[in-house]
Amino acid sequence: MGLDDKIENTAQETAGKVKQDIGEATDDKDLQAEGKADQKSANIKQAGEKIKDAFKK
């Protein structure tokens, strides 16, 4: 996995967690859902990068 991709995916996952937490604190269901979606997207990207790395070896 490229370092840039890993950093970008981690940042997206962290931002999603922050959005989710803020949504929970403010009772904003839309922001909670957006945060969860961001986290899932980042996790899928990370999994894809790991698969690519496995085939490179």
PDB file of N, CA and C in Angstrom:
ATOM      1  N   MET A   1       0.858  -1.158   0.000  1.00  0.00           N
ATOM      2  CA  MET A   1       0.000   0.000   0.000  1.00  0.00           C
ATOM      3  C   MET A   1       0.906   1.222   0.000  1.00  0.00           C
ATOM      4  N   GLY A   2       0.607   2.176  -0.870  1.00  0.00           N
ATOM      5  CA  GLY A   2       1.391   3.394  -0.905  1.00  0.00           C
ATOM      6  C   GLY A   2       1.182   4.200   0.359  1.00  0.00           C
ATOM      7  N   LEU A   3       2.241   4.803   0.820  1.00  0.00           N
ATOM      8  CA  LEU A   3       2.164   5.589   2.054  1.00  0.00           C
ATOM      9  C   LEU A   3       1.155   6.716   1.925  1.00  0.00           C
ATOM     10  N   ASP A   4       1.128   7.380   0.764  1.00  0.00           N
ATOM     11  CA  ASP A   4       0.168   8.465   0.557  1.00  0.00           C
ATOM     12  C   ASP A   4      -1.269   7.962   0.660  1.00  0.00           C
ATOM     13  N   ASP A   5      -1.532   6.811   0.050  1.00  0.00           N
ATOM     14  CA  ASP A   5      -2.882   6.241   0.109  1.00  0.00           C
ATOM     15  C   ASP A   5      -3.254   5.865   1.528  1.00  0.00           C
ATOM     16  N   LYS A   6      -2.301   5.291   2.248  1.00  0.00           N
ATOM     17  CA  LYS A   6      -2.569   4.887   3.629  1.00  0.00           C
ATOM     18  C   LYS A   6      -2.889   6.103   4.498  1.00  0.00           C
ATOM     19  N   ILE A   7      -2.120   7.171   4.324  1.00  0.00           N
ATOM     20  CA  ILE A   7      -2.363   8.396   5.094  1.00  0.00           C
ATOM     21  C   ILE A   7      -3.720   8.989   4.740  1.00  0.00           C
ATOM     22  N   GLU A   8      -4.026   9.026   3.446  1.00  0.00           N
ATOM     23  CA  GLU A   8      -5.308   9.582   2.996  1.00  0.00           C
ATOM     24  C   GLU A   8      -6.483   8.781   3.541  1.00  0.00           C
ATOM     25  N   ASN A   9      -6.382   7.455   3.493  1.00  0.00           N
ATOM     26  CA  ASN A   9      -7.464   6.605   3.992  1.00  0.00           C
ATOM     27  C   ASN A   9      -7.629   6.744   5.499  1.00  0.00           C
ATOM     28  N   THR A  10      -6.526   6.826   6.212  1.00  0.00           N
ATOM     29  CA  THR A  10      -6.589   6.995   7.665  1.00  0.00           C
ATOM     30  C   THR A  10      -7.211   8.348   8.018  1.00  0.00           C
ATOM     31  N   ALA A  11      -6.849   9.377   7.273  1.00  0.00           N
ATOM     32  CA  ALA A  11      -7.419  10.704   7.511  1.00  0.00           C
ATOM     33  C   ALA A  11      -8.923  10.698   7.255  1.00  0.00           C
ATOM     34  N   GLN A  12      -9.346  10.014   6.190  1.00  0.00           N
ATOM     35  CA  GLN A  12     -10.773   9.940   5.882  1.00  0.00           C
ATOM     36  C   GLN A  12     -11.516   9.172   6.978  1.00  0.00           C
ATOM     37  N   GLU A  13     -10.915   8.098   7.452  1.00  0.00           N
ATOM     38  CA  GLU A  13     -11.543   7.318   8.512  1.00  0.00           C
ATOM     39  C   GLU A  13     -11.664   8.131   9.796  1.00  0.00           C
ATOM     40  N   THR A  14     -10.604   8.870  10.125  1.00  0.00           N
ATOM     41  CA  THR A  14     -10.612   9.700  11.325  1.00  0.00           C
ATOM     42  C   THR A  14     -11.647  10.811  11.207  1.00  0.00           C
ATOM     43  N   ALA A  15     -11.704  11.451  10.048  1.00  0.00           N
ATOM     44  CA  ALA A  15     -12.689  12.513   9.836  1.00  0.00           C
ATOM     45  C   ALA A  15     -14.109  11.962   9.961  1.00  0.00           C
ATOM     46  N   GLY A  16     -14.317  10.762   9.450  1.00  0.00           N
ATOM     47  CA  GLY A  16     -15.625  10.125   9.571  1.00  0.00           C
ATOM     48  C   GLY A  16     -16.002   9.865  11.015  1.00  0.00           C
ATOM     49  N   LYS A  17     -15.028   9.426  11.800  1.00  0.00           N
ATOM     50  CA  LYS A  17     -15.285   9.172  13.220  1.00  0.00           C
ATOM     51  C   LYS A  17     -15.637  10.469  13.938  1.00  0.00           C
ATOM     52  N   VAL A  18     -14.921  11.552  13.606  1.00  0.00           N
ATOM     53  CA  VAL A  18     -15.213  12.853  14.219  1.00  0.00           C
ATOM     54  C   VAL A  18     -16.626  13.301  13.852  1.00  0.00           C
ATOM     55  N   LYS A  19     -16.984  13.172  12.572  1.00  0.00           N
ATOM     56  CA  LYS A  19     -18.335  13.545  12.142  1.00  0.00           C
ATOM     57  C   LYS A  19     -19.387  12.736  12.899  1.00  0.00           C
ATOM     58  N   GLN A  20     -19.135  11.439  13.020  1.00  0.00           N
ATOM     59  CA  GLN A  20     -20.088  10.578  13.717  1.00  0.00           C
ATOM     60  C   GLN A  20     -20.226  11.010  15.177  1.00  0.00           C
ATOM     61  N   ASP A  21     -19.115  11.283  15.830  1.00  0.00           N
ATOM     62  CA  ASP A  21     -19.148  11.695  17.230  1.00  0.00           C
ATOM     63  C   ASP A  21     -19.866  13.032  17.410  1.00  0.00           C
ATOM     64  N   ILE A  22     -19.599  13.978  16.511  1.00  0.00           N
ATOM     65  CA  ILE A  22     -20.283  15.268  16.587  1.00  0.00           C
ATOM     66  C   ILE A  22     -21.774  15.084  16.347  1.00  0.00           C
ATOM     67  N   GLY A  23     -22.120  14.241  15.390  1.00  0.00           N
ATOM     68  CA  GLY A  23     -23.524  13.953  15.124  1.00  0.00           C
ATOM     69  C   GLY A  23     -24.219  13.345  16.325  1.00  0.00           C
ATOM     70  N   GLU A  24     -23.532  12.457  17.025  1.00  0.00           N
ATOM     71  CA  GLU A  24     -24.105  11.855  18.229  1.00  0.00           C
ATOM     72  C   GLU A  24     -24.270  12.898  19.332  1.00  0.00           C
ATOM     73  N   ALA A  25     -23.279  13.772  19.478  1.00  0.00           N
ATOM     74  CA  ALA A  25     -23.329  14.789  20.534  1.00  0.00           C
ATOM     75  C   ALA A  25     -24.421  15.824  20.277  1.00  0.00           C
ATOM     76  N   THR A  26     -24.685  16.103  18.998  1.00  0.00           N
ATOM     77  CA  THR A  26     -25.678  17.125  18.660  1.00  0.00           C
ATOM     78  C   THR A  26     -27.011  16.524  18.226  1.00  0.00           C
ATOM     79  N   ASP A  27     -27.118  15.219  18.282  1.00  0.00           N
ATOM     80  CA  ASP A  27     -28.311  14.486  17.866  1.00  0.00           C
ATOM     81  C   ASP A  27     -28.657  14.769  16.403  1.00  0.00           C
ATOM     82  N   ASP A  28     -27.613  14.851  15.567  1.00  0.00           N
ATOM     83  CA  ASP A  28     -27.762  15.081  14.126  1.00  0.00           C
ATOM     84  C   ASP A  28     -27.582  13.745  13.418  1.00  0.00           C
ATOM     85  N   LYS A  29     -28.697  13.107  13.084  1.00  0.00           N
ATOM     86  CA  LYS A  29     -28.667  11.770  12.480  1.00  0.00           C
ATOM     87  C   LYS A  29     -28.000  11.773  11.108  1.00  0.00           C
ATOM     88  N   ASP A  30     -28.185  12.864  10.347  1.00  0.00           N
ATOM     89  CA  ASP A  30     -27.560  12.939   9.022  1.00  0.00           C
ATOM     90  C   ASP A  30     -26.037  12.974   9.134  1.00  0.00           C
ATOM     91  N   LEU A  31     -25.524  13.748  10.072  1.00  0.00           N
ATOM     92  CA  LEU A  31     -24.076  13.839  10.261  1.00  0.00           C
ATOM     93  C   LEU A  31     -23.515  12.511  10.763  1.00  0.00           C
ATOM     94  N   GLN A  32     -24.261  11.841  11.627  1.00  0.00           N
ATOM     95  CA  GLN A  32     -23.846  10.513  12.093  1.00  0.00           C
ATOM     96  C   GLN A  32     -23.720   9.558  10.914  1.00  0.00           C
ATOM     97  N   ALA A  33     -24.732   9.543  10.061  1.00  0.00           N
ATOM     98  CA  ALA A  33     -24.738   8.640   8.909  1.00  0.00           C
ATOM     99  C   ALA A  33     -23.602   8.982   7.947  1.00  0.00           C
ATOM    100  N   GLU A  34     -23.365  10.268   7.745  1.00  0.00           N
ATOM    101  CA  GLU A  34     -22.273  10.686   6.861  1.00  0.00           C
ATOM    102  C   GLU A  34     -20.925  10.230   7.419  1.00  0.00           C
ATOM    103  N   GLY A  35     -20.749  10.350   8.713  1.00  0.00           N
ATOM    104  CA  GLY A  35     -19.514   9.908   9.343  1.00  0.00           C
ATOM    105  C   GLY A  35     -19.300   8.411   9.205  1.00  0.00           C
ATOM    106  N   LYS A  36     -20.362   7.651   9.416  1.00  0.00           N
ATOM    107  CA  LYS A  36     -20.254   6.196   9.263  1.00  0.00           C
ATOM    108  C   LYS A  36     -19.926   5.816   7.822  1.00  0.00           C
ATOM    109  N   ALA A  37     -20.546   6.517   6.871  1.00  0.00           N
ATOM    110  CA  ALA A  37     -20.284   6.243   5.456  1.00  0.00           C
ATOM    111  C   ALA A  37     -18.830   6.554   5.100  1.00  0.00           C
ATOM    112  N   ASP A  38     -18.310   7.661   5.628  1.00  0.00           N
ATOM    113  CA  ASP A  38     -16.908   8.007   5.377  1.00  0.00           C
ATOM    114  C   ASP A  38     -15.973   6.927   5.917  1.00  0.00           C
ATOM    115  N   GLN A  39     -16.277   6.420   7.104  1.00  0.00           N
ATOM    116  CA  GLN A  39     -15.441   5.376   7.704  1.00  0.00           C
ATOM    117  C   GLN A  39     -15.483   4.102   6.866  1.00  0.00           C
ATOM    118  N   LYS A  40     -16.672   3.724   6.420  1.00  0.00           N
ATOM    119  CA  LYS A  40     -16.799   2.513   5.610  1.00  0.00           C
ATOM    120  C   LYS A  40     -16.058   2.657   4.289  1.00  0.00           C
ATOM    121  N   SER A  41     -16.173   3.825   3.683  1.00  0.00           N
ATOM    122  CA  SER A  41     -15.482   4.076   2.423  1.00  0.00           C
ATOM    123  C   SER A  41     -13.973   3.952   2.596  1.00  0.00           C
ATOM    124  N   ALA A  42     -13.454   4.531   3.660  1.00  0.00           N
ATOM    125  CA  ALA A  42     -12.017   4.457   3.926  1.00  0.00           C
ATOM    126  C   ALA A  42     -11.585   3.011   4.154  1.00  0.00           C
ATOM    127  N   ASN A  43     -12.382   2.249   4.880  1.00  0.00           N
ATOM    128  CA  ASN A  43     -12.037   0.854   5.147  1.00  0.00           C
ATOM    129  C   ASN A  43     -12.040   0.029   3.867  1.00  0.00           C
ATOM    130  N   ILE A  44     -12.975   0.307   2.964  1.00  0.00           N
ATOM    131  CA  ILE A  44     -13.029  -0.418   1.692  1.00  0.00           C
ATOM    132  C   ILE A  44     -11.799  -0.082   0.853  1.00  0.00           C
ATOM    133  N   LYS A  45     -11.423   1.199   0.836  1.00  0.00           N
ATOM    134  CA  LYS A  45     -10.230   1.600   0.094  1.00  0.00           C
ATOM    135  C   LYS A  45      -8.981   0.923   0.662  1.00  0.00           C
ATOM    136  N   GLN A  46      -8.889   0.850   1.979  1.00  0.00           N
ATOM    137  CA  GLN A  46      -7.733   0.213   2.606  1.00  0.00           C
ATOM    138  C   GLN A  46      -7.688  -1.268   2.243  1.00  0.00           C
ATOM    139  N   ALA A  47      -8.828  -1.914   2.231  1.00  0.00           N
ATOM    140  CA  ALA A  47      -8.874  -3.326   1.871  1.00  0.00           C
ATOM    141  C   ALA A  47      -8.435  -3.519   0.416  1.00  0.00           C
ATOM    142  N   GLY A  48      -8.876  -2.633  -0.462  1.00  0.00           N
ATOM    143  CA  GLY A  48      -8.471  -2.711  -1.862  1.00  0.00           C
ATOM    144  C   GLY A  48      -6.969  -2.545  -2.030  1.00  0.00           C
ATOM    145  N   GLU A  49      -6.384  -1.624  -1.286  1.00  0.00           N
ATOM    146  CA  GLU A  49      -4.938  -1.406  -1.351  1.00  0.00           C
ATOM    147  C   GLU A  49      -4.185  -2.643  -0.841  1.00  0.00           C
ATOM    148  N   LYS A  50      -4.703  -3.272   0.203  1.00  0.00           N
ATOM    149  CA  LYS A  50      -4.062  -4.479   0.735  1.00  0.00           C
ATOM    150  C   LYS A  50      -4.115  -5.620  -0.273  1.00  0.00           C
ATOM    151  N   ILE A  51      -5.219  -5.722  -0.985  1.00  0.00           N
ATOM    152  CA  ILE A  51      -5.350  -6.764  -2.020  1.00  0.00           C
ATOM    153  C   ILE A  51      -4.341  -6.514  -3.137  1.00  0.00           C
ATOM    154  N   LYS A  52      -4.230  -5.244  -3.553  1.00  0.00           N
ATOM    155  CA  LYS A  52      -3.251  -4.919  -4.599  1.00  0.00           C
ATOM    156  C   LYS A  52      -1.839  -5.266  -4.132  1.00  0.00           C
ATOM    157  N   ASP A  53      -1.529  -4.960  -2.884  1.00  0.00           N
ATOM    158  CA  ASP A  53      -0.200  -5.259  -2.343  1.00  0.00           C
ATOM    159  C   ASP A  53       0.049  -6.763  -2.335  1.00  0.00           C
ATOM    160  N   ALA A  54      -0.975  -7.538  -2.004  1.00  0.00           N
ATOM    161  CA  ALA A  54      -0.809  -8.987  -1.950  1.00  0.00           C
ATOM    162  C   ALA A  54      -0.460  -9.551  -3.336  1.00  0.00           C
ATOM    163  N   PHE A  55      -1.037  -8.990  -4.387  1.00  0.00           N
ATOM    164  CA  PHE A  55      -0.763  -9.472  -5.734  1.00  0.00           C
ATOM    165  C   PHE A  55       0.582  -9.001  -6.249  1.00  0.00           C
ATOM    166  N   LYS A  56       1.127  -7.938  -5.671  1.00  0.00           N
ATOM    167  CA  LYS A  56       2.437  -7.447  -6.089  1.00  0.00           C
ATOM    168  C   LYS A  56       3.547  -8.359  -5.591  1.00  0.00           C
ATOM    169  N   LYS A  57       3.307  -9.091  -4.523  1.00  0.00           N
ATOM    170  CA  LYS A  57       4.336  -9.950  -3.916  1.00  0.00           C
ATOM    171  C   LYS A  57       4.421 -11.211  -4.634  1.00  0.00           C
TER     172      LYS A  57
END
